[in-house]
Amino acid sequence: MSEHGTYTTDDGRPAVRFERRLAHPVEHVWRSVTEPEELRHWFPSSVEFELRVGAPMHFVHADGQIDTGELRELDPPRRLAFLWGGELLRFELEPDGDGTRLTLVHVLLTEGAEAAARTAAGWHLCLDALAGAAGGAPEGPSPEWRERYAEYIARGFPAGAPVPGDAETPAS
């Protein structure tokens, strides 16, 4: 299982998919993906929501920007899916020995394929933080993010979407 994501489609829509093996049991990882206090350690924004299908979600960024979403699927402790703005994120957890296999699929419903490299670079760093390999998800286009972004472009991921906070990226 590679730490890198793959570019794929989900129901005919462009998507980025990651599979990571985490060294913690499913119940621990479930808390990490569903409890706002745990999400703060690795997710790219703080998240306010209740675990109920149809519940509204609020994603609060460090710059104060707030995105909205909705909890779409919930099957504790195995599956969580939600809309973040217009994008669909799905987390699936499976026992893997004494750890967990986490599958994250980010379906690019509104941003489209050109956001794949940018999205993959961001989730790569976030999942590193979740696994404990880093001290939290970085904000904005950090040097490490830029390195990952270049890797994903070299791997053939579509690119070209604007990078938030990056004046060098042309607007679409």
N, C-alpha and C. Protein backbone atom coordinates (compact mmCIF):
# COMPACT_ATOMS: atom_id res chain seq x y z
N MET A 1 0.86 -1.17 0.00
CA MET A 1 0.00 0.00 0.00
C MET A 1 0.91 1.24 0.00
N SER A 2 0.76 2.06 -1.01
CA SER A 2 1.57 3.26 -1.15
C SER A 2 1.01 4.39 -0.29
N GLU A 3 1.88 5.26 0.17
CA GLU A 3 1.40 6.43 0.91
C GLU A 3 0.83 7.48 -0.03
N HIS A 4 1.15 7.36 -1.33
CA HIS A 4 0.64 8.31 -2.31
C HIS A 4 -0.80 7.99 -2.70
N GLY A 5 -1.52 9.02 -3.06
CA GLY A 5 -2.88 8.85 -3.55
C GLY A 5 -2.88 8.46 -5.01
N THR A 6 -4.06 8.11 -5.49
CA THR A 6 -4.24 7.80 -6.90
C THR A 6 -5.33 8.71 -7.45
N TYR A 7 -5.21 9.00 -8.74
CA TYR A 7 -6.26 9.75 -9.42
C TYR A 7 -7.18 8.72 -10.05
N THR A 8 -8.47 8.87 -9.81
CA THR A 8 -9.43 7.88 -10.26
C THR A 8 -10.75 8.57 -10.57
N THR A 9 -11.77 7.79 -10.78
CA THR A 9 -13.12 8.34 -10.89
C THR A 9 -14.01 7.62 -9.89
N ASP A 10 -15.06 8.30 -9.49
CA ASP A 10 -16.05 7.75 -8.57
C ASP A 10 -17.40 8.08 -9.18
N ASP A 11 -18.10 7.06 -9.64
CA ASP A 11 -19.38 7.25 -10.32
C ASP A 11 -19.23 8.23 -11.49
N GLY A 12 -18.13 8.10 -12.21
CA GLY A 12 -17.88 8.92 -13.39
C GLY A 12 -17.32 10.31 -13.11
N ARG A 13 -17.10 10.64 -11.86
CA ARG A 13 -16.58 11.96 -11.48
C ARG A 13 -15.11 11.83 -11.09
N PRO A 14 -14.30 12.87 -11.37
CA PRO A 14 -12.89 12.81 -10.97
C PRO A 14 -12.77 12.72 -9.45
N ALA A 15 -11.78 11.95 -9.00
CA ALA A 15 -11.60 11.75 -7.56
C ALA A 15 -10.14 11.46 -7.25
N VAL A 16 -9.78 11.73 -6.01
CA VAL A 16 -8.48 11.38 -5.46
C VAL A 16 -8.73 10.34 -4.38
N ARG A 17 -7.95 9.27 -4.40
CA ARG A 17 -8.16 8.17 -3.45
C ARG A 17 -6.84 7.86 -2.74
N PHE A 18 -6.92 7.71 -1.43
CA PHE A 18 -5.78 7.30 -0.61
C PHE A 18 -6.15 6.05 0.17
N GLU A 19 -5.19 5.17 0.31
CA GLU A 19 -5.29 4.05 1.24
C GLU A 19 -4.06 4.11 2.12
N ARG A 20 -4.27 4.17 3.40
CA ARG A 20 -3.16 4.22 4.35
C ARG A 20 -3.39 3.19 5.44
N ARG A 21 -2.33 2.54 5.86
CA ARG A 21 -2.40 1.67 7.02
C ARG A 21 -1.95 2.49 8.22
N LEU A 22 -2.80 2.55 9.22
CA LEU A 22 -2.49 3.28 10.45
C LEU A 22 -2.26 2.28 11.57
N ALA A 23 -1.36 2.60 12.47
CA ALA A 23 -0.94 1.67 13.52
C ALA A 23 -1.86 1.68 14.74
N HIS A 24 -3.08 2.10 14.56
CA HIS A 24 -4.04 2.16 15.67
C HIS A 24 -5.27 1.34 15.31
N PRO A 25 -5.98 0.82 16.32
CA PRO A 25 -7.20 0.07 16.04
C PRO A 25 -8.30 0.97 15.47
N VAL A 26 -9.28 0.35 14.82
CA VAL A 26 -10.36 1.06 14.16
C VAL A 26 -11.04 2.07 15.09
N GLU A 27 -11.31 1.70 16.33
CA GLU A 27 -12.02 2.58 17.26
C GLU A 27 -11.23 3.87 17.49
N HIS A 28 -9.92 3.77 17.58
CA HIS A 28 -9.07 4.95 17.77
C HIS A 28 -9.12 5.86 16.53
N VAL A 29 -9.00 5.25 15.34
CA VAL A 29 -9.01 6.02 14.11
C VAL A 29 -10.40 6.64 13.90
N TRP A 30 -11.45 5.91 14.26
CA TRP A 30 -12.81 6.45 14.14
C TRP A 30 -12.94 7.75 14.94
N ARG A 31 -12.42 7.75 16.15
CA ARG A 31 -12.46 8.99 16.95
C ARG A 31 -11.68 10.10 16.25
N SER A 32 -10.57 9.75 15.62
CA SER A 32 -9.75 10.75 14.94
C SER A 32 -10.45 11.39 13.75
N VAL A 33 -11.38 10.66 13.11
CA VAL A 33 -12.07 11.21 11.95
C VAL A 33 -13.47 11.75 12.27
N THR A 34 -13.93 11.56 13.52
CA THR A 34 -15.30 11.99 13.85
C THR A 34 -15.40 12.96 15.02
N GLU A 35 -14.38 13.10 15.82
CA GLU A 35 -14.46 13.98 16.98
C GLU A 35 -13.73 15.30 16.68
N PRO A 36 -14.45 16.43 16.79
CA PRO A 36 -13.83 17.72 16.45
C PRO A 36 -12.50 17.98 17.14
N GLU A 37 -12.36 17.60 18.39
CA GLU A 37 -11.09 17.82 19.10
C GLU A 37 -9.96 16.98 18.49
N GLU A 38 -10.27 15.81 17.99
CA GLU A 38 -9.26 14.96 17.36
C GLU A 38 -8.95 15.44 15.94
N LEU A 39 -9.98 15.89 15.23
CA LEU A 39 -9.78 16.39 13.87
C LEU A 39 -8.81 17.57 13.85
N ARG A 40 -8.80 18.37 14.89
CA ARG A 40 -7.92 19.55 14.95
C ARG A 40 -6.44 19.19 14.76
N HIS A 41 -6.08 17.95 15.07
CA HIS A 41 -4.68 17.53 15.00
C HIS A 41 -4.21 17.24 13.58
N TRP A 42 -5.16 17.02 12.66
CA TRP A 42 -4.71 16.62 11.32
C TRP A 42 -5.56 17.15 10.17
N PHE A 43 -6.79 17.53 10.41
CA PHE A 43 -7.68 17.98 9.35
C PHE A 43 -7.35 19.44 9.01
N PRO A 44 -7.54 19.88 7.76
CA PRO A 44 -7.10 21.22 7.37
C PRO A 44 -7.95 22.38 7.90
N SER A 45 -8.98 22.13 8.65
CA SER A 45 -9.76 23.18 9.29
C SER A 45 -10.38 22.59 10.55
N SER A 46 -10.90 23.46 11.41
CA SER A 46 -11.67 22.91 12.52
C SER A 46 -13.06 22.61 11.98
N VAL A 47 -13.72 21.63 12.59
CA VAL A 47 -15.01 21.16 12.08
C VAL A 47 -16.00 21.13 13.23
N GLU A 48 -17.17 21.67 12.97
CA GLU A 48 -18.26 21.66 13.95
C GLU A 48 -19.43 20.89 13.35
N PHE A 49 -19.86 19.81 14.04
CA PHE A 49 -20.96 19.01 13.54
C PHE A 49 -21.39 18.01 14.60
N GLU A 50 -22.54 17.40 14.37
CA GLU A 50 -22.97 16.29 15.20
C GLU A 50 -23.05 15.06 14.32
N LEU A 51 -22.82 13.90 14.93
CA LEU A 51 -22.82 12.64 14.18
C LEU A 51 -24.26 12.18 13.93
N ARG A 52 -24.84 12.74 12.88
CA ARG A 52 -26.21 12.41 12.50
C ARG A 52 -26.34 12.68 11.01
N VAL A 53 -26.81 11.68 10.25
CA VAL A 53 -26.99 11.88 8.82
C VAL A 53 -27.93 13.06 8.60
N GLY A 54 -27.54 13.94 7.71
CA GLY A 54 -28.30 15.15 7.42
C GLY A 54 -27.88 16.35 8.25
N ALA A 55 -27.04 16.13 9.26
CA ALA A 55 -26.61 17.24 10.12
C ALA A 55 -25.74 18.21 9.33
N PRO A 56 -25.93 19.51 9.57
CA PRO A 56 -25.07 20.50 8.93
C PRO A 56 -23.66 20.44 9.52
N MET A 57 -22.69 20.83 8.72
CA MET A 57 -21.30 20.87 9.15
C MET A 57 -20.74 22.25 8.84
N HIS A 58 -19.84 22.71 9.71
CA HIS A 58 -19.17 23.99 9.51
C HIS A 58 -17.66 23.75 9.59
N PHE A 59 -16.96 24.21 8.57
CA PHE A 59 -15.51 24.05 8.48
C PHE A 59 -14.91 25.44 8.64
N VAL A 60 -14.21 25.66 9.75
CA VAL A 60 -13.67 26.97 10.07
C VAL A 60 -12.17 26.96 9.83
N HIS A 61 -11.73 27.81 8.90
CA HIS A 61 -10.32 27.88 8.53
C HIS A 61 -9.57 28.86 9.42
N ALA A 62 -8.26 28.75 9.43
CA ALA A 62 -7.42 29.61 10.26
C ALA A 62 -7.62 31.10 9.94
N ASP A 63 -7.96 31.41 8.69
CA ASP A 63 -8.17 32.81 8.30
C ASP A 63 -9.58 33.30 8.61
N GLY A 64 -10.39 32.46 9.26
CA GLY A 64 -11.74 32.84 9.63
C GLY A 64 -12.81 32.48 8.61
N GLN A 65 -12.39 32.06 7.42
CA GLN A 65 -13.36 31.65 6.40
C GLN A 65 -14.12 30.42 6.89
N ILE A 66 -15.41 30.37 6.61
CA ILE A 66 -16.24 29.24 7.02
C ILE A 66 -16.89 28.63 5.79
N ASP A 67 -16.69 27.33 5.62
CA ASP A 67 -17.38 26.57 4.58
C ASP A 67 -18.47 25.75 5.27
N THR A 68 -19.48 25.41 4.51
CA THR A 68 -20.55 24.58 5.07
C THR A 68 -20.59 23.25 4.36
N GLY A 69 -21.27 22.30 4.99
CA GLY A 69 -21.42 20.99 4.41
C GLY A 69 -22.54 20.24 5.10
N GLU A 70 -22.59 18.95 4.84
CA GLU A 70 -23.64 18.12 5.40
C GLU A 70 -23.14 16.69 5.56
N LEU A 71 -23.44 16.09 6.69
CA LEU A 71 -23.11 14.68 6.90
C LEU A 71 -24.03 13.83 6.04
N ARG A 72 -23.46 13.00 5.18
CA ARG A 72 -24.25 12.22 4.22
C ARG A 72 -24.38 10.75 4.57
N GLU A 73 -23.32 10.14 5.09
CA GLU A 73 -23.35 8.72 5.42
C GLU A 73 -22.67 8.51 6.77
N LEU A 74 -23.21 7.58 7.54
CA LEU A 74 -22.65 7.29 8.85
C LEU A 74 -22.90 5.83 9.18
N ASP A 75 -21.83 5.08 9.36
CA ASP A 75 -21.90 3.67 9.75
C ASP A 75 -20.75 3.42 10.73
N PRO A 76 -20.94 3.83 12.01
CA PRO A 76 -19.86 3.73 12.99
C PRO A 76 -19.47 2.27 13.24
N PRO A 77 -18.22 1.98 13.42
CA PRO A 77 -17.03 2.81 13.22
C PRO A 77 -16.36 2.54 11.88
N ARG A 78 -17.12 2.38 10.84
CA ARG A 78 -16.56 1.96 9.56
C ARG A 78 -16.62 3.00 8.44
N ARG A 79 -17.66 3.83 8.41
CA ARG A 79 -17.84 4.69 7.24
C ARG A 79 -18.42 6.04 7.64
N LEU A 80 -17.84 7.08 7.05
CA LEU A 80 -18.29 8.45 7.25
C LEU A 80 -18.15 9.16 5.90
N ALA A 81 -19.21 9.82 5.45
CA ALA A 81 -19.14 10.59 4.22
C ALA A 81 -19.86 11.91 4.44
N PHE A 82 -19.29 12.97 3.88
CA PHE A 82 -19.90 14.28 4.03
C PHE A 82 -19.54 15.18 2.86
N LEU A 83 -20.38 16.18 2.68
CA LEU A 83 -20.09 17.24 1.72
C LEU A 83 -19.33 18.33 2.45
N TRP A 84 -18.29 18.82 1.81
CA TRP A 84 -17.54 19.97 2.31
C TRP A 84 -17.59 21.00 1.19
N GLY A 85 -18.41 22.02 1.38
CA GLY A 85 -18.72 22.89 0.25
C GLY A 85 -19.43 22.02 -0.77
N GLY A 86 -18.94 21.97 -1.98
CA GLY A 86 -19.55 21.12 -3.00
C GLY A 86 -18.81 19.82 -3.23
N GLU A 87 -17.83 19.51 -2.40
CA GLU A 87 -17.00 18.31 -2.59
C GLU A 87 -17.46 17.19 -1.67
N LEU A 88 -17.35 15.94 -2.12
CA LEU A 88 -17.74 14.78 -1.32
C LEU A 88 -16.48 14.10 -0.79
N LEU A 89 -16.44 13.88 0.52
CA LEU A 89 -15.36 13.13 1.16
C LEU A 89 -15.93 11.89 1.81
N ARG A 90 -15.26 10.77 1.59
CA ARG A 90 -15.69 9.51 2.17
C ARG A 90 -14.50 8.84 2.86
N PHE A 91 -14.69 8.50 4.13
CA PHE A 91 -13.69 7.78 4.91
C PHE A 91 -14.22 6.40 5.20
N GLU A 92 -13.43 5.38 4.91
CA GLU A 92 -13.79 4.00 5.23
C GLU A 92 -12.67 3.40 6.05
N LEU A 93 -13.03 2.71 7.12
CA LEU A 93 -12.06 2.09 8.02
C LEU A 93 -12.28 0.58 8.04
N GLU A 94 -11.18 -0.17 7.96
CA GLU A 94 -11.24 -1.62 8.05
C GLU A 94 -10.12 -2.09 8.97
N PRO A 95 -10.41 -3.09 9.82
CA PRO A 95 -9.33 -3.65 10.63
C PRO A 95 -8.24 -4.22 9.72
N ASP A 96 -7.00 -4.05 10.13
CA ASP A 96 -5.86 -4.56 9.38
C ASP A 96 -4.83 -5.04 10.41
N GLY A 97 -4.97 -6.29 10.84
CA GLY A 97 -4.13 -6.80 11.91
C GLY A 97 -4.43 -6.02 13.18
N ASP A 98 -3.39 -5.47 13.80
CA ASP A 98 -3.60 -4.66 15.01
C ASP A 98 -3.79 -3.18 14.68
N GLY A 99 -3.91 -2.86 13.39
CA GLY A 99 -4.10 -1.49 12.96
C GLY A 99 -5.37 -1.32 12.15
N THR A 100 -5.37 -0.30 11.32
CA THR A 100 -6.54 0.05 10.52
C THR A 100 -6.10 0.41 9.11
N ARG A 101 -6.88 -0.03 8.14
CA ARG A 101 -6.70 0.46 6.78
C ARG A 101 -7.73 1.57 6.57
N LEU A 102 -7.25 2.77 6.35
CA LEU A 102 -8.09 3.93 6.10
C LEU A 102 -8.11 4.19 4.60
N THR A 103 -9.31 4.31 4.05
CA THR A 103 -9.47 4.71 2.66
C THR A 103 -10.18 6.05 2.65
N LEU A 104 -9.58 7.03 2.01
CA LEU A 104 -10.17 8.35 1.85
C LEU A 104 -10.38 8.57 0.37
N VAL A 105 -11.61 8.90 0.00
CA VAL A 105 -11.92 9.27 -1.38
C VAL A 105 -12.49 10.68 -1.35
N HIS A 106 -11.87 11.57 -2.11
CA HIS A 106 -12.34 12.95 -2.26
C HIS A 106 -12.83 13.08 -3.69
N VAL A 107 -14.15 13.16 -3.85
CA VAL A 107 -14.76 13.29 -5.17
C VAL A 107 -14.84 14.77 -5.50
N LEU A 108 -14.24 15.13 -6.61
CA LEU A 108 -14.13 16.53 -7.03
C LEU A 108 -15.38 16.94 -7.80
N LEU A 109 -16.49 17.07 -7.07
CA LEU A 109 -17.78 17.33 -7.69
C LEU A 109 -17.86 18.70 -8.34
N THR A 110 -17.33 19.71 -7.68
CA THR A 110 -17.44 21.07 -8.22
C THR A 110 -16.11 21.59 -8.75
N GLU A 111 -15.01 21.20 -8.15
CA GLU A 111 -13.72 21.74 -8.58
C GLU A 111 -13.20 21.08 -9.84
N GLY A 112 -13.60 19.85 -10.10
CA GLY A 112 -13.21 19.17 -11.32
C GLY A 112 -11.81 18.60 -11.28
N ALA A 113 -11.45 17.92 -12.37
CA ALA A 113 -10.19 17.19 -12.46
C ALA A 113 -8.97 18.07 -12.25
N GLU A 114 -9.02 19.34 -12.70
CA GLU A 114 -7.83 20.19 -12.58
C GLU A 114 -7.44 20.46 -11.13
N ALA A 115 -8.28 20.10 -10.17
CA ALA A 115 -7.94 20.26 -8.76
C ALA A 115 -7.31 19.00 -8.16
N ALA A 116 -7.11 17.97 -8.97
CA ALA A 116 -6.64 16.68 -8.44
C ALA A 116 -5.25 16.76 -7.80
N ALA A 117 -4.27 17.35 -8.47
CA ALA A 117 -2.91 17.41 -7.91
C ALA A 117 -2.90 18.24 -6.64
N ARG A 118 -3.58 19.38 -6.67
CA ARG A 118 -3.66 20.25 -5.49
C ARG A 118 -4.31 19.52 -4.32
N THR A 119 -5.41 18.84 -4.58
CA THR A 119 -6.14 18.12 -3.55
C THR A 119 -5.31 16.96 -2.99
N ALA A 120 -4.67 16.22 -3.88
CA ALA A 120 -3.84 15.09 -3.44
C ALA A 120 -2.69 15.55 -2.56
N ALA A 121 -2.04 16.64 -2.92
CA ALA A 121 -0.93 17.15 -2.12
C ALA A 121 -1.40 17.51 -0.71
N GLY A 122 -2.54 18.17 -0.63
CA GLY A 122 -3.08 18.54 0.69
C GLY A 122 -3.44 17.34 1.53
N TRP A 123 -4.17 16.39 0.95
CA TRP A 123 -4.55 15.21 1.74
C TRP A 123 -3.35 14.36 2.11
N HIS A 124 -2.34 14.34 1.24
CA HIS A 124 -1.13 13.58 1.57
C HIS A 124 -0.55 14.07 2.89
N LEU A 125 -0.42 15.39 3.02
CA LEU A 125 0.14 15.97 4.25
C LEU A 125 -0.80 15.77 5.45
N CYS A 126 -2.10 15.92 5.22
CA CYS A 126 -3.05 15.71 6.32
C CYS A 126 -3.00 14.27 6.83
N LEU A 127 -2.94 13.32 5.91
CA LEU A 127 -2.89 11.91 6.33
C LEU A 127 -1.56 11.58 6.99
N ASP A 128 -0.47 12.24 6.56
CA ASP A 128 0.80 12.08 7.29
C ASP A 128 0.62 12.54 8.73
N ALA A 129 -0.06 13.67 8.92
CA ALA A 129 -0.29 14.18 10.27
C ALA A 129 -1.17 13.23 11.07
N LEU A 130 -2.19 12.67 10.43
CA LEU A 130 -3.06 11.70 11.10
C LEU A 130 -2.26 10.47 11.55
N ALA A 131 -1.36 10.03 10.72
CA ALA A 131 -0.54 8.86 11.05
C ALA A 131 0.52 9.17 12.10
N GLY A 132 0.70 10.45 12.40
CA GLY A 132 1.69 10.81 13.41
C GLY A 132 3.05 11.12 12.83
N ALA A 133 3.14 11.19 11.50
CA ALA A 133 4.41 11.47 10.86
C ALA A 133 4.74 12.95 10.84
N ALA A 134 3.77 13.80 11.17
CA ALA A 134 3.98 15.24 11.17
C ALA A 134 3.24 15.84 12.35
N GLY A 135 3.55 17.08 12.64
CA GLY A 135 2.96 17.73 13.80
C GLY A 135 1.70 18.51 13.50
N GLY A 136 0.92 18.10 12.54
CA GLY A 136 -0.32 18.81 12.21
C GLY A 136 -0.34 19.19 10.75
N ALA A 137 -1.52 19.43 10.25
CA ALA A 137 -1.67 19.79 8.85
C ALA A 137 -1.24 21.24 8.64
N PRO A 138 -0.35 21.48 7.67
CA PRO A 138 0.11 22.85 7.43
C PRO A 138 -0.97 23.68 6.77
N GLU A 139 -0.92 24.97 7.02
CA GLU A 139 -1.85 25.91 6.39
C GLU A 139 -1.21 26.43 5.11
N GLY A 140 -1.97 26.45 4.05
CA GLY A 140 -1.53 27.07 2.81
C GLY A 140 -0.45 26.31 2.08
N PRO A 141 0.09 26.93 1.02
CA PRO A 141 1.07 26.26 0.17
C PRO A 141 2.48 26.29 0.78
N SER A 142 2.71 25.46 1.77
CA SER A 142 4.01 25.37 2.45
C SER A 142 5.04 24.76 1.51
N PRO A 143 6.33 24.87 1.83
CA PRO A 143 7.35 24.22 1.00
C PRO A 143 7.11 22.71 0.86
N GLU A 144 6.70 22.05 1.94
CA GLU A 144 6.43 20.61 1.86
C GLU A 144 5.23 20.34 0.95
N TRP A 145 4.20 21.20 1.02
CA TRP A 145 3.04 21.03 0.14
C TRP A 145 3.46 21.20 -1.31
N ARG A 146 4.29 22.20 -1.58
CA ARG A 146 4.74 22.43 -2.96
C ARG A 146 5.51 21.22 -3.50
N GLU A 147 6.30 20.60 -2.63
CA GLU A 147 7.04 19.40 -3.04
C GLU A 147 6.06 18.28 -3.40
N ARG A 148 5.06 18.07 -2.56
CA ARG A 148 4.06 17.02 -2.83
C ARG A 148 3.27 17.36 -4.10
N TYR A 149 2.91 18.63 -4.26
CA TYR A 149 2.17 19.07 -5.44
C TYR A 149 2.96 18.72 -6.70
N ALA A 150 4.25 19.04 -6.71
CA ALA A 150 5.10 18.72 -7.86
C ALA A 150 5.16 17.21 -8.09
N GLU A 151 5.22 16.42 -7.01
CA GLU A 151 5.22 14.96 -7.15
C GLU A 151 3.95 14.47 -7.83
N TYR A 152 2.80 15.00 -7.40
CA TYR A 152 1.54 14.55 -7.98
C TYR A 152 1.39 14.98 -9.44
N ILE A 153 1.90 16.14 -9.78
CA ILE A 153 1.89 16.54 -11.19
C ILE A 153 2.77 15.58 -11.99
N ALA A 154 3.95 15.27 -11.45
CA ALA A 154 4.86 14.33 -12.12
C ALA A 154 4.24 12.94 -12.26
N ARG A 155 3.35 12.57 -11.35
CA ARG A 155 2.66 11.28 -11.40
C ARG A 155 1.50 11.30 -12.39
N GLY A 156 1.26 12.44 -13.02
CA GLY A 156 0.23 12.53 -14.05
C GLY A 156 -1.13 13.02 -13.58
N PHE A 157 -1.22 13.52 -12.35
CA PHE A 157 -2.48 14.05 -11.87
C PHE A 157 -2.80 15.34 -12.62
N PRO A 158 -4.07 15.55 -12.98
CA PRO A 158 -4.43 16.83 -13.58
C PRO A 158 -4.13 17.97 -12.61
N ALA A 159 -3.77 19.12 -13.16
CA ALA A 159 -3.43 20.29 -12.34
C ALA A 159 -3.96 21.54 -13.03
N GLY A 160 -3.78 22.67 -12.38
CA GLY A 160 -4.17 23.94 -12.96
C GLY A 160 -5.16 24.73 -12.14
N ALA A 161 -5.77 24.10 -11.13
CA ALA A 161 -6.71 24.83 -10.28
C ALA A 161 -5.95 25.84 -9.42
N PRO A 162 -6.58 26.96 -9.10
CA PRO A 162 -5.92 27.96 -8.25
C PRO A 162 -5.54 27.36 -6.89
N VAL A 163 -4.43 27.82 -6.36
CA VAL A 163 -3.98 27.42 -5.04
C VAL A 163 -4.32 28.55 -4.07
N PRO A 164 -5.20 28.31 -3.10
CA PRO A 164 -5.55 29.38 -2.17
C PRO A 164 -4.32 29.97 -1.49
N GLY A 165 -4.25 31.29 -1.46
CA GLY A 165 -3.13 31.96 -0.80
C GLY A 165 -1.89 32.04 -1.66
N ASP A 166 -1.98 31.63 -2.92
CA ASP A 166 -0.82 31.62 -3.81
C ASP A 166 -1.09 32.57 -4.97
N ALA A 167 -0.45 33.74 -4.95
CA ALA A 167 -0.67 34.74 -5.99
C ALA A 167 -0.08 34.31 -7.32
N GLU A 168 0.83 33.30 -7.30
CA GLU A 168 1.48 32.86 -8.54
C GLU A 168 0.55 31.99 -9.38
N THR A 169 -0.49 31.42 -8.81
CA THR A 169 -1.37 30.52 -9.54
C THR A 169 -2.42 31.32 -10.30
N PRO A 170 -2.52 31.12 -11.60
CA PRO A 170 -3.53 31.86 -12.37
C PRO A 170 -4.94 31.45 -11.97
N ALA A 171 -5.84 32.41 -11.97
CA ALA A 171 -7.25 32.12 -11.67
C ALA A 171 -7.85 31.37 -12.84
N SER A 172 -8.84 30.54 -12.54
CA SER A 172 -9.47 29.78 -13.61
C SER A 172 -10.58 30.56 -14.26
